[in-house]
């Protein structure tokens, strides 16, 4: 019997596709939780925490990838 993968785990796998691009600039992103209303909460790590491009990375990279593969996610928000 297969165990079901949580939405947070699925989101983390999608983020694995983006992480090499973030790592190239010394950054990363971590899944914190998926809320009861399916908002993915992430935390910027490394250089991403102070980067003035992180909001563009969020909209054009992370949100597009997450919503494209996990349409049940209603929004993506950073806690920092």
C-alpha atoms as a PDB file:
ATOM      1  CA  UNK A   1       0.000   0.000   0.000  1.00  0.00           C
ATOM      2  CA  UNK A   2       1.502   3.319  -1.099  1.00  0.00           C
ATOM      3  CA  UNK A   3       1.576   6.216   1.299  1.00  0.00           C
ATOM      4  CA  UNK A   4       0.141   9.460  -0.010  1.00  0.00           C
ATOM      5  CA  UNK A   5       2.591  12.285  -0.474  1.00  0.00           C
ATOM      6  CA  UNK A   6       1.524  15.474   1.299  1.00  0.00           C
ATOM      7  CA  UNK A   7       0.986  18.704  -0.586  1.00  0.00           C
ATOM      8  CA  UNK A   8       4.012  20.189   1.219  1.00  0.00           C
ATOM      9  CA  UNK A   9       6.186  17.292   0.013  1.00  0.00           C
ATOM     10  CA  UNK A  10       4.901  17.711  -3.538  1.00  0.00           C
ATOM     11  CA  UNK A  11       5.674  21.442  -3.374  1.00  0.00           C
ATOM     12  CA  UNK A  12       9.171  20.674  -2.103  1.00  0.00           C
ATOM     13  CA  UNK A  13       9.760  18.424  -5.130  1.00  0.00           C
ATOM     14  CA  UNK A  14       8.618  21.210  -7.481  1.00  0.00           C
ATOM     15  CA  UNK A  15      10.986  23.608  -5.723  1.00  0.00           C
ATOM     16  CA  UNK A  16      13.838  21.158  -6.364  1.00  0.00           C
ATOM     17  CA  UNK A  17      13.603  22.277 -10.014  1.00  0.00           C
ATOM     18  CA  UNK A  18      14.167  25.920  -8.990  1.00  0.00           C
ATOM     19  CA  UNK A  19      16.786  25.397  -6.290  1.00  0.00           C
ATOM     20  CA  UNK A  20      19.780  25.109  -8.678  1.00  0.00           C
ATOM     21  CA  UNK A  21      18.994  28.604 -10.005  1.00  0.00           C
ATOM     22  CA  UNK A  22      18.764  29.980  -6.464  1.00  0.00           C
ATOM     23  CA  UNK A  23      21.927  28.161  -5.388  1.00  0.00           C
ATOM     24  CA  UNK A  24      23.843  29.749  -8.281  1.00  0.00           C
ATOM     25  CA  UNK A  25      23.368  33.062  -6.460  1.00  0.00           C
ATOM     26  CA  UNK A  26      23.981  31.610  -2.988  1.00  0.00           C
ATOM     27  CA  UNK A  27      20.334  31.249  -2.031  1.00  0.00           C
ATOM     28  CA  UNK A  28      17.689  28.634  -1.381  1.00  0.00           C
ATOM     29  CA  UNK A  29      14.083  28.255  -0.348  1.00  0.00           C
ATOM     30  CA  UNK A  30      12.424  26.031   2.250  1.00  0.00           C
ATOM     31  CA  UNK A  31       8.832  24.829   2.540  1.00  0.00           C
ATOM     32  CA  UNK A  32       7.456  25.861   5.921  1.00  0.00           C
ATOM     33  CA  UNK A  33       3.879  24.588   5.583  1.00  0.00           C
ATOM     34  CA  UNK A  34       0.763  24.443   3.472  1.00  0.00           C
ATOM     35  CA  UNK A  35      -2.055  26.175   5.337  1.00  0.00           C
ATOM     36  CA  UNK A  36      -5.605  24.856   5.640  1.00  0.00           C
ATOM     37  CA  UNK A  37      -6.626  27.100   2.727  1.00  0.00           C
ATOM     38  CA  UNK A  38      -3.779  25.698   0.565  1.00  0.00           C
ATOM     39  CA  UNK A  39      -1.395  28.652   0.799  1.00  0.00           C
ATOM     40  CA  UNK A  40       2.198  27.487   0.462  1.00  0.00           C
ATOM     41  CA  UNK A  41       4.373  29.217   3.052  1.00  0.00           C
ATOM     42  CA  UNK A  42       8.073  29.345   2.203  1.00  0.00           C
ATOM     43  CA  UNK A  43      11.183  30.732   3.836  1.00  0.00           C
ATOM     44  CA  UNK A  44      13.981  32.384   1.862  1.00  0.00           C
ATOM     45  CA  UNK A  45      17.455  31.134   2.794  1.00  0.00           C
ATOM     46  CA  UNK A  46      20.995  32.366   2.152  1.00  0.00           C
ATOM     47  CA  UNK A  47      21.376  35.315  -0.189  1.00  0.00           C
ATOM     48  CA  UNK A  48      17.659  35.165  -1.063  1.00  0.00           C
ATOM     49  CA  UNK A  49      16.772  36.624   2.348  1.00  0.00           C
ATOM     50  CA  UNK A  50      18.277  40.023   1.460  1.00  0.00           C
ATOM     51  CA  UNK A  51      17.883  39.973  -2.325  1.00  0.00           C
ATOM     52  CA  UNK A  52      15.847  42.786  -3.867  1.00  0.00           C
ATOM     53  CA  UNK A  53      14.929  40.392  -6.716  1.00  0.00           C
ATOM     54  CA  UNK A  54      13.259  37.832  -4.440  1.00  0.00           C
ATOM     55  CA  UNK A  55       9.776  39.254  -5.081  1.00  0.00           C
ATOM     56  CA  UNK A  56      10.294  38.806  -8.835  1.00  0.00           C
ATOM     57  CA  UNK A  57      11.700  35.320  -8.270  1.00  0.00           C
ATOM     58  CA  UNK A  58       8.586  34.562  -6.213  1.00  0.00           C
ATOM     59  CA  UNK A  59       6.128  35.744  -8.876  1.00  0.00           C
ATOM     60  CA  UNK A  60       7.884  34.675 -12.085  1.00  0.00           C
ATOM     61  CA  UNK A  61       9.637  31.551 -10.851  1.00  0.00           C
ATOM     62  CA  UNK A  62       8.236  29.949  -7.742  1.00  0.00           C
ATOM     63  CA  UNK A  63       4.533  30.802  -8.120  1.00  0.00           C
ATOM     64  CA  UNK A  64       4.494  29.870 -11.818  1.00  0.00           C
ATOM     65  CA  UNK A  65       6.183  26.514 -11.147  1.00  0.00           C
ATOM     66  CA  UNK A  66       4.077  25.663  -8.088  1.00  0.00           C
ATOM     67  CA  UNK A  67       0.701  26.670  -9.563  1.00  0.00           C
ATOM     68  CA  UNK A  68       1.575  25.031 -12.885  1.00  0.00           C
ATOM     69  CA  UNK A  69       2.204  21.673 -11.253  1.00  0.00           C
ATOM     70  CA  UNK A  70       0.029  21.965  -8.155  1.00  0.00           C
ATOM     71  CA  UNK A  71      -3.096  23.919  -9.133  1.00  0.00           C
ATOM     72  CA  UNK A  72      -4.642  23.218  -5.739  1.00  0.00           C
ATOM     73  CA  UNK A  73      -2.152  25.691  -4.212  1.00  0.00           C
ATOM     74  CA  UNK A  74      -4.011  29.010  -3.983  1.00  0.00           C
ATOM     75  CA  UNK A  75      -1.027  31.272  -3.249  1.00  0.00           C
ATOM     76  CA  UNK A  76       2.649  31.258  -2.299  1.00  0.00           C
ATOM     77  CA  UNK A  77       3.879  33.534   0.475  1.00  0.00           C
ATOM     78  CA  UNK A  78       7.245  34.023   2.161  1.00  0.00           C
ATOM     79  CA  UNK A  79       7.415  34.256   5.938  1.00  0.00           C
ATOM     80  CA  UNK A  80      10.537  36.431   5.768  1.00  0.00           C
END
